[in-house]
Amino acid sequence: MNIKFAEEKDLLEVANLYRTEYSEKPYNEKWDEETTTEIVKNYFKKSKILVAEDNQRVIGFIIFGTFQWSDGQRGHIKEIVITKEFQGQGIGTKLMKKAEEDLSKSNIKIIRLSAHIESRAINLYHKLGFKENGLVQMEKEL
């Protein structure tokens, strides 16, 4: 397995993995190929994407970047996806650690992420030292 920064040629595989994994519980998203590809292309322009490859096939990825908060710059894990057949093998941990290394080079001291309460990744986040921070995400349907 190899971890590297995504290149433009990797984006279709990233988009396909993103669409496939997010179409299942707990997300149940129904994005088409065009929509997902545009989402990933926008991430590629504005964020960093690391991919995990096995035999030159993308089996996972993490999308991350920075944002300005009241007390300075913070890191933000935007997405992390590992294909089902490779989950539970430490790939998510390796991707998170690589993202943390990259963010720490920019003197980032705090990393934030959001996760669905039923996400399989919650245990990974806790294992890596992430804690709930008292913020509540809210929404309203119109």
C-alpha atoms as a PDB file:
ATOM      1  CA  MET A   1       0.000   0.000   0.000  1.00  0.00           C
ATOM      2  CA  ASN A   2       1.203   3.474  -0.920  1.00  0.00           C
ATOM      3  CA  ILE A   3       0.022   6.876   0.363  1.00  0.00           C
ATOM      4  CA  LYS A   4       0.592   9.939  -1.805  1.00  0.00           C
ATOM      5  CA  PHE A   5      -0.915  13.302  -2.626  1.00  0.00           C
ATOM      6  CA  ALA A   6      -3.635  12.933  -5.244  1.00  0.00           C
ATOM      7  CA  GLU A   7      -2.949  13.925  -8.798  1.00  0.00           C
ATOM      8  CA  GLU A   8      -5.564  15.021 -11.280  1.00  0.00           C
ATOM      9  CA  LYS A   9      -5.536  11.531 -12.815  1.00  0.00           C
ATOM     10  CA  ASP A  10      -6.712  10.100  -9.437  1.00  0.00           C
ATOM     11  CA  LEU A  11      -9.837  12.253  -9.161  1.00  0.00           C
ATOM     12  CA  LEU A  12     -12.239   9.961 -11.013  1.00  0.00           C
ATOM     13  CA  GLU A  13     -11.293   7.031  -8.764  1.00  0.00           C
ATOM     14  CA  VAL A  14     -11.641   9.258  -5.689  1.00  0.00           C
ATOM     15  CA  ALA A  15     -15.060  10.435  -6.894  1.00  0.00           C
ATOM     16  CA  ASN A  16     -16.229   6.871  -7.561  1.00  0.00           C
ATOM     17  CA  LEU A  17     -15.122   5.717  -4.109  1.00  0.00           C
ATOM     18  CA  TYR A  18     -16.713   8.794  -2.517  1.00  0.00           C
ATOM     19  CA  ARG A  19     -20.039   8.177  -4.280  1.00  0.00           C
ATOM     20  CA  THR A  20     -20.051   4.438  -3.515  1.00  0.00           C
ATOM     21  CA  GLU A  21     -19.295   4.708   0.195  1.00  0.00           C
ATOM     22  CA  TYR A  22     -21.577   7.681   0.851  1.00  0.00           C
ATOM     23  CA  SER A  23     -24.497   5.927  -0.851  1.00  0.00           C
ATOM     24  CA  GLU A  24     -24.698   3.523   2.106  1.00  0.00           C
ATOM     25  CA  LYS A  25     -25.853   3.928   5.703  1.00  0.00           C
ATOM     26  CA  PRO A  26     -25.730   6.185   7.564  1.00  0.00           C
ATOM     27  CA  TYR A  27     -25.415   8.754   4.758  1.00  0.00           C
ATOM     28  CA  ASN A  28     -27.628   7.287   2.005  1.00  0.00           C
ATOM     29  CA  GLU A  29     -26.532   9.949  -0.489  1.00  0.00           C
ATOM     30  CA  LYS A  30     -27.771   9.526  -4.069  1.00  0.00           C
ATOM     31  CA  TRP A  31     -25.234  11.573  -5.988  1.00  0.00           C
ATOM     32  CA  ASP A  32     -24.699  10.924  -9.673  1.00  0.00           C
ATOM     33  CA  GLU A  33     -21.234  10.588 -11.229  1.00  0.00           C
ATOM     34  CA  GLU A  34     -21.184  14.152 -12.561  1.00  0.00           C
ATOM     35  CA  THR A  35     -22.108  15.727  -9.215  1.00  0.00           C
ATOM     36  CA  THR A  36     -19.588  13.667  -7.281  1.00  0.00           C
ATOM     37  CA  THR A  37     -16.830  14.401  -9.780  1.00  0.00           C
ATOM     38  CA  GLU A  38     -17.506  18.148  -9.470  1.00  0.00           C
ATOM     39  CA  ILE A  39     -17.430  17.927  -5.656  1.00  0.00           C
ATOM     40  CA  VAL A  40     -14.060  16.158  -5.755  1.00  0.00           C
ATOM     41  CA  LYS A  41     -12.645  18.568  -8.366  1.00  0.00           C
ATOM     42  CA  ASN A  42     -13.623  21.512  -6.138  1.00  0.00           C
ATOM     43  CA  TYR A  43     -11.936  19.854  -3.163  1.00  0.00           C
ATOM     44  CA  PHE A  44      -8.828  19.286  -5.311  1.00  0.00           C
ATOM     45  CA  LYS A  45      -8.653  23.026  -6.117  1.00  0.00           C
ATOM     46  CA  LYS A  46      -9.164  24.258  -2.544  1.00  0.00           C
ATOM     47  CA  SER A  47      -7.900  21.470  -0.273  1.00  0.00           C
ATOM     48  CA  LYS A  48      -5.350  18.695  -0.083  1.00  0.00           C
ATOM     49  CA  ILE A  49      -6.173  15.103  -0.953  1.00  0.00           C
ATOM     50  CA  LEU A  50      -4.084  12.126   0.081  1.00  0.00           C
ATOM     51  CA  VAL A  51      -4.873   8.771  -1.507  1.00  0.00           C
ATOM     52  CA  ALA A  52      -4.054   5.252  -0.355  1.00  0.00           C
ATOM     53  CA  GLU A  53      -3.324   2.936  -3.264  1.00  0.00           C
ATOM     54  CA  ASP A  54      -3.107  -0.825  -3.526  1.00  0.00           C
ATOM     55  CA  ASN A  55      -1.722  -2.094  -6.850  1.00  0.00           C
ATOM     56  CA  GLN A  56      -2.203   1.428  -8.280  1.00  0.00           C
ATOM     57  CA  ARG A  57      -5.927   1.383  -7.367  1.00  0.00           C
ATOM     58  CA  VAL A  58      -7.293   4.058  -4.998  1.00  0.00           C
ATOM     59  CA  ILE A  59      -8.619   2.232  -1.924  1.00  0.00           C
ATOM     60  CA  GLY A  60      -9.003   5.239   0.349  1.00  0.00           C
ATOM     61  CA  PHE A  61      -8.520   8.964   0.624  1.00  0.00           C
ATOM     62  CA  ILE A  62      -8.555  11.877   3.018  1.00  0.00           C
ATOM     63  CA  ILE A  63      -9.436  15.464   2.123  1.00  0.00           C
ATOM     64  CA  PHE A  64      -8.171  18.152   4.477  1.00  0.00           C
ATOM     65  CA  GLY A  65      -7.189  21.781   4.684  1.00  0.00           C
ATOM     66  CA  THR A  66      -7.165  24.810   6.952  1.00  0.00           C
ATOM     67  CA  PHE A  67      -9.602  27.497   7.954  1.00  0.00           C
ATOM     68  CA  GLN A  68      -9.455  30.691   9.977  1.00  0.00           C
ATOM     69  CA  TRP A  69     -11.013  30.570  13.459  1.00  0.00           C
ATOM     70  CA  SER A  70     -11.190  33.322  16.078  1.00  0.00           C
ATOM     71  CA  ASP A  71      -7.928  32.191  17.684  1.00  0.00           C
ATOM     72  CA  GLY A  72      -6.005  31.447  14.482  1.00  0.00           C
ATOM     73  CA  GLN A  73      -5.681  28.867  11.743  1.00  0.00           C
ATOM     74  CA  ARG A  74      -7.053  25.394  12.342  1.00  0.00           C
ATOM     75  CA  GLY A  75      -6.860  22.176  10.419  1.00  0.00           C
ATOM     76  CA  HIS A  76     -10.018  20.608   9.051  1.00  0.00           C
ATOM     77  CA  ILE A  77     -10.541  16.999   8.053  1.00  0.00           C
ATOM     78  CA  LYS A  78     -13.266  17.296   5.448  1.00  0.00           C
ATOM     79  CA  GLU A  79     -13.655  13.703   4.260  1.00  0.00           C
ATOM     80  CA  ILE A  80     -12.071  10.337   4.864  1.00  0.00           C
ATOM     81  CA  VAL A  81     -13.178   7.239   2.987  1.00  0.00           C
ATOM     82  CA  ILE A  82     -11.766   3.724   2.859  1.00  0.00           C
ATOM     83  CA  THR A  83     -13.272   1.141   0.539  1.00  0.00           C
ATOM     84  CA  LYS A  84     -15.159  -1.536   2.475  1.00  0.00           C
ATOM     85  CA  GLU A  85     -12.814  -4.418   1.666  1.00  0.00           C
ATOM     86  CA  PHE A  86      -9.870  -2.508   3.201  1.00  0.00           C
ATOM     87  CA  GLN A  87     -11.593  -1.081   6.299  1.00  0.00           C
ATOM     88  CA  GLY A  88     -10.214  -2.150   9.660  1.00  0.00           C
ATOM     89  CA  GLN A  89      -6.661  -2.565   8.330  1.00  0.00           C
ATOM     90  CA  GLY A  90      -5.191   0.683   9.659  1.00  0.00           C
ATOM     91  CA  ILE A  91      -5.414   2.627   6.394  1.00  0.00           C
ATOM     92  CA  GLY A  92      -7.615   5.338   7.905  1.00  0.00           C
ATOM     93  CA  THR A  93      -5.121   5.759  10.745  1.00  0.00           C
ATOM     94  CA  LYS A  94      -2.236   6.074   8.281  1.00  0.00           C
ATOM     95  CA  LEU A  95      -4.112   8.668   6.207  1.00  0.00           C
ATOM     96  CA  MET A  96      -5.037  10.663   9.317  1.00  0.00           C
ATOM     97  CA  LYS A  97      -1.433  10.592  10.574  1.00  0.00           C
ATOM     98  CA  LYS A  98      -0.112  11.801   7.186  1.00  0.00           C
ATOM     99  CA  ALA A  99      -2.660  14.635   7.162  1.00  0.00           C
ATOM    100  CA  GLU A 100      -1.676  15.567  10.736  1.00  0.00           C
ATOM    101  CA  GLU A 101       2.007  15.601   9.741  1.00  0.00           C
ATOM    102  CA  ASP A 102       1.259  17.885   6.807  1.00  0.00           C
ATOM    103  CA  LEU A 103      -0.873  20.247   8.907  1.00  0.00           C
ATOM    104  CA  SER A 104       1.723  20.409  11.689  1.00  0.00           C
ATOM    105  CA  LYS A 105       4.308  21.629   9.141  1.00  0.00           C
ATOM    106  CA  SER A 106       2.071  24.710   8.758  1.00  0.00           C
ATOM    107  CA  ASN A 107       2.126  25.192  12.542  1.00  0.00           C
ATOM    108  CA  ILE A 108      -1.478  24.043  12.936  1.00  0.00           C
ATOM    109  CA  LYS A 109      -2.178  23.124  16.569  1.00  0.00           C
ATOM    110  CA  ILE A 110      -5.864  22.113  16.431  1.00  0.00           C
ATOM    111  CA  ILE A 111      -7.671  19.932  13.907  1.00  0.00           C
ATOM    112  CA  ARG A 112     -11.445  19.837  13.596  1.00  0.00           C
ATOM    113  CA  LEU A 113     -13.744  17.357  11.902  1.00  0.00           C
ATOM    114  CA  SER A 114     -17.443  16.546  11.773  1.00  0.00           C
ATOM    115  CA  ALA A 115     -18.810  13.032  11.702  1.00  0.00           C
ATOM    116  CA  HIS A 116     -22.206  11.404  11.485  1.00  0.00           C
ATOM    117  CA  ILE A 117     -23.105   9.937  14.862  1.00  0.00           C
ATOM    118  CA  GLU A 118     -23.553   6.503  13.244  1.00  0.00           C
ATOM    119  CA  SER A 119     -20.325   6.698  11.246  1.00  0.00           C
ATOM    120  CA  ARG A 120     -18.006   3.695  11.446  1.00  0.00           C
ATOM    121  CA  ALA A 121     -15.126   6.173  11.689  1.00  0.00           C
ATOM    122  CA  ILE A 122     -16.146   7.508  15.127  1.00  0.00           C
ATOM    123  CA  ASN A 123     -14.051   4.853  16.868  1.00  0.00           C
ATOM    124  CA  LEU A 124     -11.049   5.770  14.714  1.00  0.00           C
ATOM    125  CA  TYR A 125     -11.392   9.439  15.645  1.00  0.00           C
ATOM    126  CA  HIS A 126     -11.586   8.633  19.363  1.00  0.00           C
ATOM    127  CA  LYS A 127      -8.575   6.297  19.063  1.00  0.00           C
ATOM    128  CA  LEU A 128      -6.597   9.120  17.438  1.00  0.00           C
ATOM    129  CA  GLY A 129      -7.403  11.515  20.291  1.00  0.00           C
ATOM    130  CA  PHE A 130     -10.303  13.515  18.847  1.00  0.00           C
ATOM    131  CA  LYS A 131     -12.841  14.683  21.429  1.00  0.00           C
ATOM    132  CA  GLU A 132     -16.245  16.274  21.217  1.00  0.00           C
ATOM    133  CA  ASN A 133     -15.734  19.997  21.653  1.00  0.00           C
ATOM    134  CA  GLY A 134     -19.101  21.308  22.760  1.00  0.00           C
ATOM    135  CA  LEU A 135     -20.145  22.666  19.371  1.00  0.00           C
ATOM    136  CA  VAL A 136     -23.498  21.527  18.074  1.00  0.00           C
ATOM    137  CA  GLN A 137     -24.221  21.231  14.385  1.00  0.00           C
ATOM    138  CA  MET A 138     -27.779  22.278  13.572  1.00  0.00           C
ATOM    139  CA  GLU A 139     -29.946  22.470  10.481  1.00  0.00           C
ATOM    140  CA  LYS A 140     -33.459  23.430   9.504  1.00  0.00           C
ATOM    141  CA  GLU A 141     -35.501  22.297   6.556  1.00  0.00           C
ATOM    142  CA  LEU A 142     -37.357  25.008   4.655  1.00  0.00           C
END
